[in-house]
Protein backbone atom coordinates (compact mmCIF):
# COMPACT_ATOMS: atom_id res chain seq x y z
CA MET A 1 5.68 118.50 -153.09
CA GLN A 2 7.64 115.45 -151.99
CA HIS A 3 11.42 115.67 -152.26
CA LEU A 4 13.55 112.56 -152.76
CA SER A 5 16.65 111.93 -150.79
CA PRO A 6 19.98 111.64 -152.63
CA VAL A 7 19.81 107.86 -152.22
CA GLY A 8 16.31 107.78 -153.68
CA CYS A 9 17.39 109.93 -156.63
CA ARG A 10 20.24 107.58 -157.37
CA LEU A 11 17.92 104.55 -157.20
CA SER A 12 15.33 106.12 -159.50
CA CYS A 13 18.03 107.11 -162.00
CA ARG A 14 19.42 103.59 -161.91
CA VAL A 15 15.97 102.07 -162.53
CA ALA A 16 15.36 104.45 -165.44
CA SER A 17 18.74 103.66 -166.97
CA HIS A 18 18.05 99.93 -166.64
CA ARG A 19 14.73 100.36 -168.45
CA ILE A 20 16.36 102.30 -171.28
CA ALA A 21 19.13 99.70 -171.53
CA ARG A 22 16.57 96.88 -171.72
CA ARG A 23 14.67 98.68 -174.48
CA TRP A 24 17.84 99.24 -176.49
CA LEU A 25 18.86 95.62 -175.94
CA GLY A 26 15.48 94.43 -177.18
CA LEU A 27 15.78 96.65 -180.25
CA VAL A 28 19.29 95.37 -180.98
CA ARG A 29 18.12 91.77 -180.61
CA HIS A 30 15.19 92.44 -182.93
CA LEU A 31 17.47 93.97 -185.57
CA ALA A 32 19.92 91.09 -185.20
CA ALA A 33 17.11 88.59 -185.67
CA CYS A 34 15.96 90.41 -188.79
CA LEU A 35 19.50 90.41 -190.20
CA LEU A 36 19.90 86.72 -189.47
CA LEU A 37 16.52 86.10 -191.05
CA LEU A 38 17.48 87.98 -194.20
CA ALA A 39 20.75 86.06 -194.35
CA ALA A 40 18.96 82.76 -193.92
CA LEU A 41 16.25 83.57 -196.45
CA GLY A 42 18.55 85.31 -198.89
CA PRO A 43 20.13 82.61 -201.08
CA ALA A 44 18.07 81.66 -204.04
CA HIS A 45 16.38 78.26 -204.00
CA ALA A 46 17.19 77.72 -200.33
CA GLN A 47 14.37 75.36 -199.46
CA THR A 48 13.61 75.89 -195.79
CA THR A 49 10.45 73.84 -195.84
CA THR A 50 9.12 70.78 -197.57
CA SER A 51 8.87 70.86 -201.32
CA GLN A 52 5.61 70.98 -203.19
CA PRO A 53 3.66 67.72 -202.86
CA SER A 54 2.96 67.29 -206.57
CA LEU A 55 2.57 69.17 -209.81
CA PRO A 56 -0.67 71.15 -209.98
CA ALA A 57 -3.32 69.43 -212.02
CA VAL A 58 -4.61 71.07 -215.18
CA PRO A 59 -8.28 70.88 -216.20
CA THR A 60 -9.37 69.61 -219.57
CA PRO A 61 -11.98 71.37 -221.73
CA THR A 62 -14.45 68.53 -221.15
CA GLU A 63 -14.29 68.93 -217.38
CA LEU A 64 -14.81 72.67 -217.47
CA GLY A 65 -17.76 72.65 -219.85
CA PRO A 66 -19.15 75.70 -221.67
CA LEU A 67 -18.17 79.07 -220.28
CA ALA A 68 -19.90 82.41 -220.47
CA ARG A 69 -17.81 84.86 -222.42
CA PRO A 70 -17.14 88.03 -220.36
CA GLY A 71 -18.15 91.36 -221.75
CA GLY A 72 -14.59 92.66 -221.90
CA SER A 73 -13.77 91.10 -225.27
CA ALA A 74 -13.37 93.98 -227.68
CA ASN A 75 -13.29 92.27 -231.06
CA PRO A 76 -16.19 90.17 -232.36
CA ASP A 77 -15.68 86.47 -233.00
CA THR A 78 -14.65 85.53 -236.48
CA ALA A 79 -14.69 82.23 -238.32
CA ALA A 80 -10.91 81.95 -238.00
CA LEU A 81 -11.06 82.60 -234.27
CA ARG A 82 -13.73 79.95 -233.71
CA ARG A 83 -11.73 77.50 -235.81
CA HIS A 84 -8.63 78.04 -233.67
CA LEU A 85 -10.63 77.57 -230.46
CA ARG A 86 -12.21 74.33 -231.68
CA GLN A 87 -8.86 72.99 -232.82
CA ALA A 88 -7.20 73.95 -229.52
CA ALA A 89 -9.92 72.24 -227.48
CA SER A 90 -9.59 69.09 -229.57
CA LEU A 91 -5.80 69.05 -229.20
CA GLN A 92 -5.99 69.65 -225.46
CA THR A 93 -8.44 66.79 -225.04
CA GLY A 94 -5.92 64.55 -226.80
CA TYR A 95 -3.12 65.77 -224.46
CA HIS A 96 -1.28 67.62 -227.27
CA ASP A 97 -0.53 70.59 -225.05
CA SER A 98 2.11 72.36 -227.14
CA ALA A 99 -0.05 72.27 -230.26
CA ALA A 100 -3.08 73.42 -228.27
CA LEU A 101 -1.09 76.32 -226.83
CA ALA A 102 -0.05 77.35 -230.34
CA GLU A 103 -3.72 77.40 -231.40
CA TYR A 104 -4.70 79.59 -228.45
CA GLN A 105 -1.82 81.93 -229.26
CA ALA A 106 -3.04 82.11 -232.86
CA ALA A 107 -6.51 82.98 -231.58
CA LEU A 108 -5.02 85.74 -229.43
CA LYS A 109 -3.37 87.25 -232.49
CA ILE A 110 -6.84 87.67 -233.96
CA ASN A 111 -8.38 88.93 -230.73
CA PRO A 112 -5.88 89.79 -227.94
CA GLN A 113 -8.78 90.08 -225.45
CA GLU A 114 -10.30 86.66 -226.05
CA TYR A 115 -10.92 85.52 -222.46
CA GLU A 116 -10.98 81.76 -222.92
CA SER A 117 -7.78 81.77 -224.97
CA LEU A 118 -6.01 83.86 -222.34
CA TRP A 119 -6.72 81.76 -219.28
CA ARG A 120 -6.34 78.44 -221.10
CA ALA A 121 -3.00 79.58 -222.54
CA ALA A 122 -1.90 80.39 -218.98
CA VAL A 123 -2.87 76.94 -217.73
CA LEU A 124 -1.19 75.16 -220.63
CA SER A 125 1.98 77.21 -220.22
CA VAL A 126 2.25 76.00 -216.62
CA ARG A 127 1.66 72.42 -217.66
CA ILE A 128 4.33 72.54 -220.36
CA GLY A 129 6.80 74.36 -218.12
CA ASN A 130 6.47 71.69 -215.42
CA ARG A 131 7.89 69.10 -217.82
CA TYR A 132 11.26 70.81 -218.09
CA THR A 133 14.06 70.27 -215.61
CA ASP A 134 15.88 73.42 -216.71
CA GLU A 135 14.80 76.23 -214.39
CA THR A 136 15.38 78.86 -217.08
CA ARG A 137 12.78 77.27 -219.35
CA LYS A 138 10.46 76.72 -216.42
CA ALA A 139 10.72 80.38 -215.45
CA ALA A 140 10.03 81.48 -219.03
CA TYR A 141 6.86 79.38 -219.29
CA PHE A 142 5.65 80.34 -215.82
CA GLY A 143 6.26 84.03 -216.51
CA GLU A 144 4.30 83.78 -219.76
CA ALA A 145 1.52 81.98 -217.89
CA ARG A 146 1.34 84.79 -215.36
CA ARG A 147 1.09 87.41 -218.10
CA TYR A 148 -1.77 85.51 -219.78
CA ALA A 149 -3.53 85.07 -216.43
CA GLU A 150 -3.21 88.75 -215.50
CA GLN A 151 -4.72 89.76 -218.85
CA ALA A 152 -7.60 87.33 -218.29
CA LEU A 153 -8.06 88.70 -214.77
CA ALA A 154 -8.27 92.24 -216.15
CA LEU A 155 -11.18 91.11 -218.34
CA ALA A 156 -12.97 89.14 -215.60
CA PRO A 157 -11.64 90.07 -212.13
CA THR A 158 -14.06 87.85 -210.19
CA ALA A 159 -14.32 84.89 -212.55
CA GLY A 160 -13.21 81.51 -211.28
CA GLU A 161 -11.19 80.58 -214.37
CA SER A 162 -9.05 83.73 -214.45
CA ASN A 163 -8.37 83.53 -210.71
CA TYR A 164 -7.51 79.85 -210.99
CA ALA A 165 -5.10 80.55 -213.85
CA LEU A 166 -3.38 83.31 -211.87
CA ALA A 167 -3.17 81.17 -208.72
CA LEU A 168 -1.70 78.30 -210.73
CA ALA A 169 0.92 80.56 -212.32
CA LEU A 170 1.89 82.15 -208.99
CA PHE A 171 2.08 78.81 -207.20
CA SER A 172 4.33 77.44 -209.95
CA GLN A 173 6.58 80.51 -209.87
CA ALA A 174 6.94 80.21 -206.09
CA GLY A 175 8.96 77.02 -206.44
CA LEU A 176 11.66 78.85 -208.42
CA LEU A 177 12.05 81.90 -206.18
CA ASN A 178 14.17 82.51 -203.11
CA ALA A 179 12.51 82.23 -199.73
CA ARG A 180 11.78 85.96 -199.32
CA ASP A 181 10.01 86.30 -202.68
CA ARG A 182 8.27 82.97 -202.16
CA LEU A 183 6.70 84.19 -198.91
CA ARG A 184 5.54 87.39 -200.60
CA LEU A 185 4.00 85.31 -203.37
CA PHE A 186 2.15 83.04 -200.93
CA LYS A 187 0.71 86.17 -199.32
CA GLU A 188 -0.39 87.39 -202.75
CA LEU A 189 -1.89 83.98 -203.54
CA GLN A 190 -4.57 84.12 -200.87
CA ASN A 191 -7.22 86.09 -202.76
CA PRO A 192 -7.07 84.37 -206.18
CA VAL A 193 -6.86 80.83 -204.80
CA MET A 194 -9.87 81.36 -202.52
CA LEU A 195 -11.86 83.17 -205.17
CA ALA A 196 -11.18 80.39 -207.70
CA ALA A 197 -12.65 77.73 -205.39
CA ALA A 198 -15.58 79.97 -204.44
CA ARG A 199 -16.50 80.90 -208.03
CA ARG A 200 -15.86 77.46 -209.54
CA PRO A 201 -16.72 74.91 -206.81
CA ASP A 202 -17.05 72.28 -209.55
CA LEU A 203 -13.37 72.63 -210.50
CA PRO A 204 -11.26 70.07 -208.58
CA GLU A 205 -7.98 71.73 -209.56
CA ALA A 206 -9.03 74.90 -207.72
CA TRP A 207 -9.69 72.87 -204.57
CA GLN A 208 -6.31 71.17 -204.91
CA LEU A 209 -4.51 74.52 -205.09
CA LEU A 210 -6.52 75.81 -202.13
CA GLY A 211 -5.61 72.75 -200.06
CA ARG A 212 -1.93 73.02 -200.90
CA TRP A 213 -1.93 76.73 -200.07
CA HIS A 214 -3.58 76.09 -196.69
CA TYR A 215 -1.09 73.37 -195.78
CA ARG A 216 1.97 75.31 -196.94
CA VAL A 217 1.08 78.51 -195.10
CA ALA A 218 -0.07 76.66 -191.97
CA HIS A 219 3.36 75.00 -191.70
CA TYR A 220 5.63 78.03 -191.90
CA ASN A 221 8.77 77.51 -189.85
CA ALA A 222 9.96 80.00 -187.22
CA LEU A 223 12.04 82.09 -189.65
CA GLU A 224 9.20 82.30 -192.17
CA LYS A 225 6.74 83.36 -189.47
CA LEU A 226 9.15 86.03 -188.22
CA PHE A 227 9.79 87.36 -191.73
CA SER A 228 6.05 87.45 -192.49
CA ARG A 229 5.33 89.27 -189.23
CA VAL A 230 8.08 91.87 -189.66
CA PHE A 231 8.00 92.55 -193.40
CA LEU A 232 4.62 91.30 -194.68
CA GLY A 233 2.28 92.34 -191.90
CA GLY A 234 1.87 88.77 -190.66
CA ALA A 235 1.14 85.42 -192.25
CA PRO A 236 -2.42 84.72 -193.48
CA ARG A 237 -4.39 83.68 -190.41
CA SER A 238 -7.03 81.62 -192.20
CA ALA A 239 -4.65 78.81 -193.20
CA SER A 240 -4.94 75.51 -191.32
CA THR A 241 -4.25 71.82 -191.81
CA ASP A 242 -7.91 70.91 -191.31
CA GLN A 243 -8.96 73.23 -194.15
CA ALA A 244 -6.19 71.78 -196.34
CA ILE A 245 -7.53 68.27 -195.76
CA ALA A 246 -11.12 69.39 -196.40
CA ALA A 247 -10.16 71.08 -199.69
CA LEU A 248 -8.18 68.08 -200.94
CA GLU A 249 -10.99 65.71 -199.95
CA LYS A 250 -13.32 67.93 -201.98
CA ALA A 251 -10.99 67.75 -205.00
CA ARG A 252 -10.74 63.97 -204.65
CA ALA A 253 -14.52 63.64 -204.41
CA LEU A 254 -14.96 65.66 -207.61
CA ALA A 255 -12.30 63.69 -209.56
CA PRO A 256 -11.45 60.39 -207.82
CA GLU A 257 -9.51 59.21 -210.86
CA ARG A 258 -6.87 61.96 -210.47
CA ILE A 259 -3.83 60.49 -208.70
CA GLN A 260 -2.45 63.93 -207.77
CA TYR A 261 -5.20 64.58 -205.24
CA THR A 262 -4.77 61.20 -203.57
CA TYR A 263 -1.01 61.70 -203.36
CA ASP A 264 -1.27 65.16 -201.80
CA LEU A 265 -3.87 63.94 -199.31
CA ALA A 266 -1.81 60.88 -198.35
CA ARG A 267 1.25 63.05 -197.68
CA ILE A 268 -0.72 65.26 -195.30
CA TYR A 269 -2.20 62.26 -193.48
CA LYS A 270 1.26 60.72 -193.21
CA TYR A 271 2.70 63.80 -191.52
CA GLN A 272 -0.30 63.97 -189.20
CA GLY A 273 0.95 60.75 -187.60
CA HIS A 274 -2.30 59.26 -186.30
CA HIS A 275 -3.79 58.85 -189.80
CA ARG A 276 -1.00 56.79 -191.34
CA ARG A 277 -3.14 53.71 -191.93
CA TYR A 278 -5.62 55.80 -193.88
CA ALA A 279 -2.72 57.25 -195.89
CA ILE A 280 -1.57 53.70 -196.71
CA ALA A 281 -5.08 52.79 -197.86
CA LEU A 282 -5.20 55.89 -200.09
CA LEU A 283 -1.84 55.11 -201.67
CA GLN A 284 -2.74 51.46 -202.25
CA ARG A 285 -5.82 52.62 -204.11
CA ALA A 286 -3.81 55.19 -206.09
CA VAL A 287 -1.17 52.76 -207.39
CA ARG A 288 -3.93 50.57 -208.83
CA GLN A 289 -5.45 53.41 -210.85
CA PRO A 290 -4.77 53.42 -214.62
CA THR A 291 -2.32 55.96 -216.04
CA TYR A 292 -3.06 57.87 -219.24
CA THR A 293 -0.41 60.59 -219.39
CA SER A 294 3.23 61.00 -218.46
CA GLU A 295 2.13 63.07 -215.45
CA ASP A 296 -0.06 60.18 -214.28
CA LEU A 297 2.86 57.79 -214.61
CA ILE A 298 5.11 60.10 -212.56
CA MET A 299 2.47 60.41 -209.85
CA ASN A 300 1.99 56.63 -209.81
CA ARG A 301 5.70 56.13 -209.17
CA LEU A 302 5.71 58.80 -206.46
CA CYS A 303 2.84 56.99 -204.75
CA GLU A 304 4.80 53.73 -204.89
CA GLN A 305 7.88 55.42 -203.41
CA LEU A 306 5.81 56.90 -200.59
CA LEU A 307 3.88 53.68 -199.96
CA ALA A 308 6.77 51.22 -199.60
CA PRO A 309 8.46 52.69 -196.46
CA MET A 310 5.08 53.35 -194.86
CA GLN A 311 4.09 49.70 -195.31
CA ARG A 312 7.40 48.51 -193.84
CA ALA A 313 6.98 50.80 -190.85
CA ALA A 314 3.40 49.60 -190.34
CA THR A 315 4.54 45.95 -190.50
CA ARG A 316 7.24 46.57 -187.88
CA ARG A 317 4.73 48.36 -185.70
CA ASP A 318 2.24 45.48 -185.96
CA ARG A 319 4.94 42.96 -185.03
CA ARG A 320 5.93 44.97 -181.98
CA HIS A 321 2.32 45.20 -180.89
CA ALA A 322 1.84 41.45 -181.43
CA ARG A 323 4.92 40.62 -179.34
CA TRP A 324 3.80 42.98 -176.63
CA TYR A 325 0.33 41.41 -176.59
CA GLN A 326 1.77 37.88 -176.43
CA HIS A 327 4.05 38.95 -173.61
CA LEU A 328 1.07 40.27 -171.67
CA ARG A 329 -0.86 37.04 -172.18
CA ALA A 330 2.13 34.90 -171.15
CA ARG A 331 2.60 36.70 -167.85
CA PRO A 332 1.20 34.67 -164.90
CA ARG A 333 -1.80 36.19 -163.34
CA LEU A 334 -1.42 37.25 -159.76
CA VAL A 335 -3.85 35.41 -157.50
CA PRO A 336 -5.03 37.69 -154.71
CA LEU A 337 -4.14 36.43 -151.25
CA ALA A 338 -6.93 35.46 -148.92
CA ALA A 339 -7.64 37.91 -146.18
CA PRO A 340 -6.22 36.79 -142.83
CA ALA A 341 -8.76 35.42 -140.38
CA THR A 342 -9.62 37.81 -137.62
CA LEU A 343 -8.91 36.66 -134.13
CA GLY A 344 -12.04 36.32 -132.03
CA PRO A 345 -12.35 36.44 -128.30
CA PRO A 346 -10.69 33.51 -126.50
CA ALA A 347 -12.87 30.53 -125.80
CA PRO A 348 -13.95 30.21 -122.25
């Protein structure tokens, strides 16, 4: 057995103490970072990232078409129930959302497990809540929407409509929460938003939500990434900007007349940097589209506000490039000098 000298013992003890000190220092730094993170994420409504690109779009009954009624409905249909559903669909087609919501609520009084009334009431509650500027009213409508969506999800856990309604309600609630709860909600959003697009690939609103979720999660800042890693088991790894663009392009292909999809897509292309000219072309097309509702008018104005500075920046960039090109053409060309003649042997 090898014995260490007193000097060697002191050196080994010093190395061990340094290792322990480094471990404790790392732990203290980690705890300090967590405390700073909680302090930074703590205040309510502290927006640490960009705001939501636009209000989520809401499908109309004509776009969704006939739906198969899930087997979870307990009570049989009655004449009064069918009358409320027909009236609600007619009102929603005419953009009378509050009256349509009242009809769906009346249908739910007859049959509390009527699937179509539940998920459509959730979607309409979000749409109505988005029109208020008072956060208390917004929160009330979004909370009611979430309750309707969760009841619909209990009846049809894998259906596209119920998952879309829940994803829409959660995404709307996220804008009213503090940063910590918002990150937890985005983690919870992953399954319903992906299932909605997978089960209803014909629904452009589901693709819009999926694209916005991908972009939002893919652009977490450093504090949000640290909080997700420490307290939420990590941020969702499947989110990416490319998938956000693909999902929004899919939504725009399904409903090219919807200005919301063009606006969201143009914002992403603008922040990408090298696609700004395509973003300008998208916005120019969007501002020429007709507006039918107050939401369309708001989106049209947002497109105009986003387009104007981008056009000015593009004009300045083109002028700089033109001046640079003219300067290059005006520069005199350098004529290469002739090679010096080599000296031959002296003449005899």
